[in-house]
């Protein structure tokens, strides 16, 4: 059966399905300390590719310049880098894939050597030695190793990704506009008595899903709040991916396993499209681009990524135009990348992708 690839109104808002306690979220300019425990977290967390980094002894702290300093060894090693100590230079040395980063204690400058060329990177505070650990503002080291670094102020979480997507791609995918409920309904030509104001009353965390950290907050919410979590819409305690075969049972598995299942089902969209034999299609995405949309309940799951499409020289272009509306002006023999958004249906125990659209 042909599956029409277009944006579907697959979100059913049930007012009684999500009851959030505590004060409503403040405006986007609020600091993390103003977030109530029922909505966010004040506990500083560092994540790499969606998984929390463990600090077995020395813990992150805020220095006199109000900058958060993090023990560099644990993060760098989690990223697969080697970390050593140069006692003569009083500097930590981080090495990975031909990149060498030198972090001198007491300096606000690090040096980065790659392919025989050395450059300096100025940080916004000094590296310090405390508890026998080298502390740095981790963004500068992680980015020098080629990672993307973001921050969720709703969850006080540093997000580091070096997975399927490049930092440039992640920034681009995050920056596409996410419609409000009223905008979404209007774009679909539908009617609804539910308003944006009422959506904010039901889901106060929506206030944190715009602005500087908007996508990062929506992303972190999805990583931390699987279907079945207290206060979230849930139709089942157990889920199974239709394409991936992944399973998730709330309360028995880590929360992030649910997000990983959503990601695998999003990849299933490319598999289904390839099976039609009209074009060669592959998807690149990772946990950095899974999120909760402002026009959905918290159970709604969206995944953004980059779709690479190769159209055969002998392709039936009219068929592609009629069935693949995410490809604008297709041409025989071409290969192109398309930024897309995939909706994954998580409102039943049978989890599956439901729609795929090109982002604009």
Protein backbone atom coordinates (compact mmCIF):
# COMPACT_ATOMS: atom_id res chain seq x y z
CA UNK A 1 0.00 0.00 0.00
CA UNK A 2 1.38 3.39 -0.98
CA UNK A 3 2.20 5.61 1.97
CA UNK A 4 1.71 9.29 1.27
CA UNK A 5 4.73 11.21 2.51
CA UNK A 6 3.21 14.38 3.87
CA UNK A 7 2.73 16.11 7.17
CA UNK A 8 -0.07 14.39 9.05
CA UNK A 9 -2.00 15.76 11.98
CA UNK A 10 -1.04 12.77 14.07
CA UNK A 11 -1.13 14.47 17.43
CA UNK A 12 -4.19 14.12 19.61
CA UNK A 13 -4.23 16.57 22.49
CA UNK A 14 -5.97 15.17 25.52
CA UNK A 15 -6.12 17.80 28.22
CA UNK A 16 -6.41 15.38 31.07
CA UNK A 17 -3.54 13.25 29.83
CA UNK A 18 -0.78 15.42 31.21
CA UNK A 19 -0.96 17.09 34.59
CA UNK A 20 2.11 19.11 35.57
CA UNK A 21 2.48 20.20 39.17
CA UNK A 22 4.29 23.29 40.39
CA UNK A 23 4.46 26.78 38.96
CA UNK A 24 4.27 27.35 35.23
CA UNK A 25 7.54 27.92 33.40
CA UNK A 26 8.88 31.47 33.44
CA UNK A 27 9.72 33.38 30.30
CA UNK A 28 12.71 32.36 28.17
CA UNK A 29 15.00 34.87 29.86
CA UNK A 30 14.67 33.11 33.20
CA UNK A 31 17.70 31.39 34.65
CA UNK A 32 17.89 27.71 35.40
CA UNK A 33 17.57 28.36 39.13
CA UNK A 34 14.02 29.57 38.54
CA UNK A 35 12.92 26.22 37.11
CA UNK A 36 10.74 24.19 39.44
CA UNK A 37 11.76 20.57 40.05
CA UNK A 38 8.53 19.37 38.44
CA UNK A 39 9.57 20.82 35.12
CA UNK A 40 13.36 20.84 34.88
CA UNK A 41 16.47 20.16 36.90
CA UNK A 42 19.09 22.25 38.67
CA UNK A 43 21.55 19.34 38.78
CA UNK A 44 24.44 19.98 36.40
CA UNK A 45 24.82 17.12 33.96
CA UNK A 46 27.23 16.53 31.08
CA UNK A 47 26.14 14.20 28.28
CA UNK A 48 28.04 12.71 25.36
CA UNK A 49 25.93 11.43 22.46
CA UNK A 50 22.92 11.48 24.76
CA UNK A 51 24.48 9.47 27.60
CA UNK A 52 25.45 11.03 30.93
CA UNK A 53 29.18 11.28 31.65
CA UNK A 54 30.16 9.81 35.02
CA UNK A 55 32.45 11.79 37.33
CA UNK A 56 33.71 9.22 39.86
CA UNK A 57 35.50 11.66 42.16
CA UNK A 58 36.04 15.31 41.19
CA UNK A 59 32.79 17.09 40.34
CA UNK A 60 32.04 20.16 38.17
CA UNK A 61 31.88 23.53 39.94
CA UNK A 62 31.33 27.23 39.19
CA UNK A 63 34.45 29.41 39.37
CA UNK A 64 34.83 33.05 40.46
CA UNK A 65 33.98 34.19 36.91
CA UNK A 66 30.61 32.39 37.12
CA UNK A 67 31.81 29.82 34.59
CA UNK A 68 31.15 26.11 35.02
CA UNK A 69 34.39 24.13 35.07
CA UNK A 70 34.41 20.41 34.36
CA UNK A 71 37.09 17.74 35.01
CA UNK A 72 38.41 17.37 31.47
CA UNK A 73 39.75 13.81 31.74
CA UNK A 74 36.38 12.09 32.21
CA UNK A 75 34.72 13.88 29.31
CA UNK A 76 37.69 13.55 26.95
CA UNK A 77 38.08 9.84 27.69
CA UNK A 78 34.36 9.28 27.22
CA UNK A 79 34.83 10.85 23.78
CA UNK A 80 37.57 8.30 23.07
CA UNK A 81 40.53 10.63 23.52
CA UNK A 82 43.74 9.90 25.42
CA UNK A 83 44.61 12.21 28.30
CA UNK A 84 48.06 12.64 29.85
CA UNK A 85 49.83 15.08 32.16
CA UNK A 86 52.92 17.09 31.18
CA UNK A 87 54.49 17.86 34.56
CA UNK A 88 57.17 20.14 33.11
CA UNK A 89 54.63 22.34 31.32
CA UNK A 90 51.99 21.87 34.04
CA UNK A 91 49.48 21.09 31.35
CA UNK A 92 46.96 18.40 30.46
CA UNK A 93 47.49 16.92 26.99
CA UNK A 94 44.52 15.49 25.07
CA UNK A 95 45.04 13.44 21.89
CA UNK A 96 42.59 11.98 19.41
CA UNK A 97 42.71 11.15 15.69
CA UNK A 98 45.77 13.29 14.96
CA UNK A 99 44.57 16.23 17.08
CA UNK A 100 46.61 17.32 20.12
CA UNK A 101 45.21 19.79 22.63
CA UNK A 102 47.41 21.28 25.34
CA UNK A 103 45.66 22.80 28.37
CA UNK A 104 48.08 24.78 30.61
CA UNK A 105 47.02 25.29 34.21
CA UNK A 106 46.39 28.94 35.09
CA UNK A 107 45.94 29.97 31.46
CA UNK A 108 42.83 31.00 29.55
CA UNK A 109 44.38 29.81 26.28
CA UNK A 110 44.72 26.28 24.91
CA UNK A 111 46.74 25.17 21.88
CA UNK A 112 45.35 22.85 19.23
CA UNK A 113 47.64 21.03 16.78
CA UNK A 114 46.20 19.27 13.74
CA UNK A 115 47.97 18.14 10.55
CA UNK A 116 51.15 19.88 11.68
CA UNK A 117 49.44 23.24 12.14
CA UNK A 118 49.02 24.79 15.60
CA UNK A 119 46.49 27.40 16.62
CA UNK A 120 45.49 28.95 19.93
CA UNK A 121 41.99 29.08 21.33
CA UNK A 122 41.11 31.66 23.97
CA UNK A 123 38.67 30.51 26.65
CA UNK A 124 36.39 32.67 28.78
CA UNK A 125 38.11 31.59 32.01
CA UNK A 126 41.30 29.87 33.13
CA UNK A 127 41.98 26.16 33.41
CA UNK A 128 42.63 25.22 37.03
CA UNK A 129 44.01 22.28 38.98
CA UNK A 130 41.76 21.14 41.81
CA UNK A 131 41.42 17.81 43.59
CA UNK A 132 44.28 16.55 41.40
CA UNK A 133 42.13 17.11 38.30
CA UNK A 134 42.39 19.60 35.45
CA UNK A 135 39.22 21.67 35.14
CA UNK A 136 38.23 23.57 31.99
CA UNK A 137 35.13 25.09 30.38
CA UNK A 138 34.56 21.91 28.36
CA UNK A 139 33.13 23.57 25.23
CA UNK A 140 36.58 24.63 24.00
CA UNK A 141 38.13 21.18 24.28
CA UNK A 142 35.13 19.31 22.86
CA UNK A 143 34.75 21.65 19.89
CA UNK A 144 38.48 21.41 19.20
CA UNK A 145 38.00 17.63 18.94
CA UNK A 146 35.29 18.20 16.31
CA UNK A 147 32.22 17.83 18.53
CA UNK A 148 29.07 19.92 18.67
CA UNK A 149 28.36 21.44 22.08
CA UNK A 150 25.01 22.78 23.29
CA UNK A 151 23.27 23.50 26.55
CA UNK A 152 19.79 22.93 27.99
CA UNK A 153 19.07 25.56 30.61
CA UNK A 154 15.84 23.76 31.50
CA UNK A 155 17.82 20.70 32.59
CA UNK A 156 21.19 22.32 33.41
CA UNK A 157 22.74 19.93 30.90
CA UNK A 158 25.81 20.32 28.70
CA UNK A 159 25.17 18.37 25.49
CA UNK A 160 28.14 17.08 23.49
CA UNK A 161 27.65 15.21 20.21
CA UNK A 162 30.15 13.63 17.86
CA UNK A 163 28.02 10.99 16.19
CA UNK A 164 26.32 10.84 12.78
CA UNK A 165 25.79 14.56 12.16
CA UNK A 166 28.42 17.28 11.88
CA UNK A 167 28.30 20.37 14.13
CA UNK A 168 27.24 22.47 11.13
CA UNK A 169 24.39 20.07 10.32
CA UNK A 170 23.18 19.99 13.93
CA UNK A 171 23.11 23.79 14.12
CA UNK A 172 21.21 23.99 10.84
CA UNK A 173 18.66 21.33 11.78
CA UNK A 174 18.07 22.91 15.20
CA UNK A 175 17.46 26.34 13.67
CA UNK A 176 14.40 25.44 11.59
CA UNK A 177 11.29 27.03 13.04
CA UNK A 178 8.96 24.87 15.14
CA UNK A 179 5.35 25.97 14.73
CA UNK A 180 3.03 26.61 17.65
CA UNK A 181 -0.22 24.66 17.95
CA UNK A 182 -2.31 27.42 16.31
CA UNK A 183 0.21 27.87 13.49
CA UNK A 184 0.29 24.13 12.88
CA UNK A 185 -3.51 23.84 12.76
CA UNK A 186 -3.73 26.78 10.35
CA UNK A 187 -1.06 25.27 8.08
CA UNK A 188 -3.11 22.07 7.91
CA UNK A 189 -6.31 23.94 7.08
CA UNK A 190 -8.00 22.47 10.14
CA UNK A 191 -10.02 23.84 13.05
CA UNK A 192 -9.38 23.53 16.78
CA UNK A 193 -10.77 25.16 19.90
CA UNK A 194 -7.43 24.60 21.63
CA UNK A 195 -5.30 27.76 21.76
CA UNK A 196 -1.61 28.45 22.26
CA UNK A 197 -2.43 29.97 25.64
CA UNK A 198 -4.21 26.80 26.72
CA UNK A 199 -1.33 24.66 25.44
CA UNK A 200 1.04 26.64 27.65
CA UNK A 201 -1.27 26.11 30.63
CA UNK A 202 -1.33 22.36 30.02
CA UNK A 203 2.37 22.08 29.16
CA UNK A 204 4.28 24.93 30.89
CA UNK A 205 7.64 23.64 29.66
CA UNK A 206 6.66 24.95 26.19
CA UNK A 207 7.90 28.34 27.43
CA UNK A 208 11.42 26.88 27.34
CA UNK A 209 11.15 25.49 23.79
CA UNK A 210 11.98 28.76 22.03
CA UNK A 211 14.87 31.17 22.20
CA UNK A 212 18.56 30.53 22.70
CA UNK A 213 18.20 27.06 24.23
CA UNK A 214 14.79 26.18 22.80
CA UNK A 215 15.65 23.13 20.71
CA UNK A 216 18.14 21.84 23.28
CA UNK A 217 15.40 21.97 25.94
CA UNK A 218 12.90 20.21 23.67
CA UNK A 219 15.56 17.62 22.85
CA UNK A 220 16.52 16.99 26.46
CA UNK A 221 12.85 16.66 27.41
CA UNK A 222 12.43 13.86 24.88
CA UNK A 223 15.59 12.07 26.05
CA UNK A 224 14.45 12.19 29.68
CA UNK A 225 10.70 11.69 29.36
CA UNK A 226 9.71 8.43 27.69
CA UNK A 227 6.07 7.48 27.24
CA UNK A 228 4.90 6.10 30.54
CA UNK A 229 6.72 8.67 32.65
CA UNK A 230 4.74 10.15 35.50
CA UNK A 231 2.56 12.99 34.22
CA UNK A 232 3.00 12.20 30.52
CA UNK A 233 0.44 10.85 28.10
CA UNK A 234 0.72 7.07 27.93
CA UNK A 235 -1.38 4.49 26.15
CA UNK A 236 0.81 1.56 27.09
CA UNK A 237 3.61 0.66 29.48
CA UNK A 238 5.39 -1.38 26.81
CA UNK A 239 6.31 -0.46 23.25
CA UNK A 240 7.75 -2.21 20.21
CA UNK A 241 9.22 -0.69 17.08
CA UNK A 242 7.42 -1.86 13.95
CA UNK A 243 10.53 -1.74 11.76
CA UNK A 244 13.42 -1.96 14.24
CA UNK A 245 11.90 -4.57 16.53
CA UNK A 246 13.25 -2.56 19.47
CA UNK A 247 11.26 -2.87 22.68
CA UNK A 248 10.81 -0.55 25.64
CA UNK A 249 9.02 -1.12 28.94
CA UNK A 250 8.67 1.88 31.18
CA UNK A 251 10.18 1.41 34.63
CA UNK A 252 12.50 -1.43 33.62
CA UNK A 253 14.85 0.28 31.12
CA UNK A 254 16.84 3.52 31.05
CA UNK A 255 14.74 6.44 29.78
CA UNK A 256 17.09 7.01 26.85
CA UNK A 257 16.24 3.57 25.42
CA UNK A 258 12.85 4.96 24.42
CA UNK A 259 14.51 7.79 22.48
CA UNK A 260 16.84 5.29 20.80
CA UNK A 261 13.84 3.27 19.67
CA UNK A 262 12.31 6.45 18.19
CA UNK A 263 15.57 7.08 16.35
CA UNK A 264 15.67 3.55 14.93
CA UNK A 265 12.08 3.88 13.73
CA UNK A 266 12.96 7.18 12.02
CA UNK A 267 15.71 5.34 10.16
CA UNK A 268 12.99 2.92 9.12
CA UNK A 269 11.51 5.68 6.94
CA UNK A 270 14.55 5.50 4.65
CA UNK A 271 14.30 1.70 4.59
CA UNK A 272 10.64 1.83 3.56
CA UNK A 273 11.30 4.38 0.85
CA UNK A 274 14.24 2.37 -0.50
CA UNK A 275 12.06 -0.72 -0.68
CA UNK A 276 9.91 1.01 -3.30
CA UNK A 277 12.89 0.90 -5.67
CA UNK A 278 12.35 4.35 -7.17
CA UNK A 279 15.42 6.05 -5.69
CA UNK A 280 18.34 5.29 -3.39
CA UNK A 281 17.67 6.97 -0.07
CA UNK A 282 19.68 7.10 3.15
CA UNK A 283 19.19 9.03 6.39
CA UNK A 284 21.73 10.54 8.75
CA UNK A 285 20.59 11.62 12.18
CA UNK A 286 21.32 11.00 15.84
CA UNK A 287 19.94 11.73 19.31
CA UNK A 288 20.88 15.42 19.01
CA UNK A 289 17.91 15.97 16.69
CA UNK A 290 15.09 14.07 18.37
CA UNK A 291 12.68 16.43 20.09
CA UNK A 292 9.25 17.31 21.42
CA UNK A 293 7.47 19.82 19.19
CA UNK A 294 5.55 22.80 20.57
CA UNK A 295 2.49 21.70 18.61
CA UNK A 296 2.38 18.25 20.21
CA UNK A 297 1.74 16.74 23.59
CA UNK A 298 4.89 15.49 25.37
CA UNK A 299 4.27 12.04 23.86
CA UNK A 300 4.78 13.39 20.35
CA UNK A 301 8.16 12.51 18.85
CA UNK A 302 9.87 14.31 15.97
CA UNK A 303 13.28 13.54 14.47
CA UNK A 304 15.23 15.86 12.18
CA UNK A 305 17.99 14.64 9.92
CA UNK A 306 19.66 14.78 6.51
CA UNK A 307 18.23 12.59 3.77
CA UNK A 308 20.57 11.75 0.87
CA UNK A 309 18.61 10.96 -2.27
CA UNK A 310 20.01 9.55 -5.52
CA UNK A 311 17.57 9.49 -8.42
CA UNK A 312 18.42 6.96 -11.19
CA UNK A 313 19.10 8.25 -14.69
CA UNK A 314 16.10 6.25 -15.95
CA UNK A 315 13.79 7.25 -13.09
CA UNK A 316 10.07 7.79 -13.51
CA UNK A 317 10.15 11.48 -12.58
CA UNK A 318 6.37 11.89 -12.72
CA UNK A 319 5.95 9.07 -10.19
CA UNK A 320 8.56 10.64 -7.90
CA UNK A 321 6.84 14.03 -8.12
CA UNK A 322 3.50 12.46 -7.23
CA UNK A 323 4.72 10.29 -4.35
CA UNK A 324 7.84 11.93 -2.90
CA UNK A 325 6.72 15.45 -2.13
CA UNK A 326 9.79 15.99 0.06
CA UNK A 327 11.88 16.20 -3.16
CA UNK A 328 11.33 19.52 -4.88
CA UNK A 329 11.86 19.63 -8.64
CA UNK A 330 13.47 16.15 -8.90
CA UNK A 331 15.88 15.47 -11.78
CA UNK A 332 16.98 12.15 -13.22
CA UNK A 333 20.58 11.21 -12.37
CA UNK A 334 21.02 13.67 -9.51
CA UNK A 335 22.11 13.18 -5.90
CA UNK A 336 21.12 15.72 -3.26
CA UNK A 337 20.87 16.17 0.50
CA UNK A 338 17.51 17.21 1.95
CA UNK A 339 16.91 18.37 5.52
CA UNK A 340 13.85 16.48 6.73
CA UNK A 341 11.63 15.99 9.75
CA UNK A 342 10.11 12.60 10.56
CA UNK A 343 7.14 12.10 12.84
CA UNK A 344 7.22 8.87 14.82
CA UNK A 345 3.86 7.66 16.12
CA UNK A 346 4.25 6.89 19.82
CA UNK A 347 0.60 7.07 20.84
CA UNK A 348 0.14 3.30 20.65
CA UNK A 349 2.28 0.37 21.74
CA UNK A 350 3.04 -0.28 18.05
CA UNK A 351 5.66 2.41 17.37
CA UNK A 352 6.23 3.42 13.75
CA UNK A 353 7.14 6.39 11.58
CA UNK A 354 4.12 8.20 10.24
CA UNK A 355 5.23 11.12 8.07
CA UNK A 356 8.30 12.67 6.47
CA UNK A 357 8.53 16.26 5.23
CA UNK A 358 11.26 18.50 3.91
CA UNK A 359 12.24 21.27 6.29
CA UNK A 360 12.00 24.82 4.99
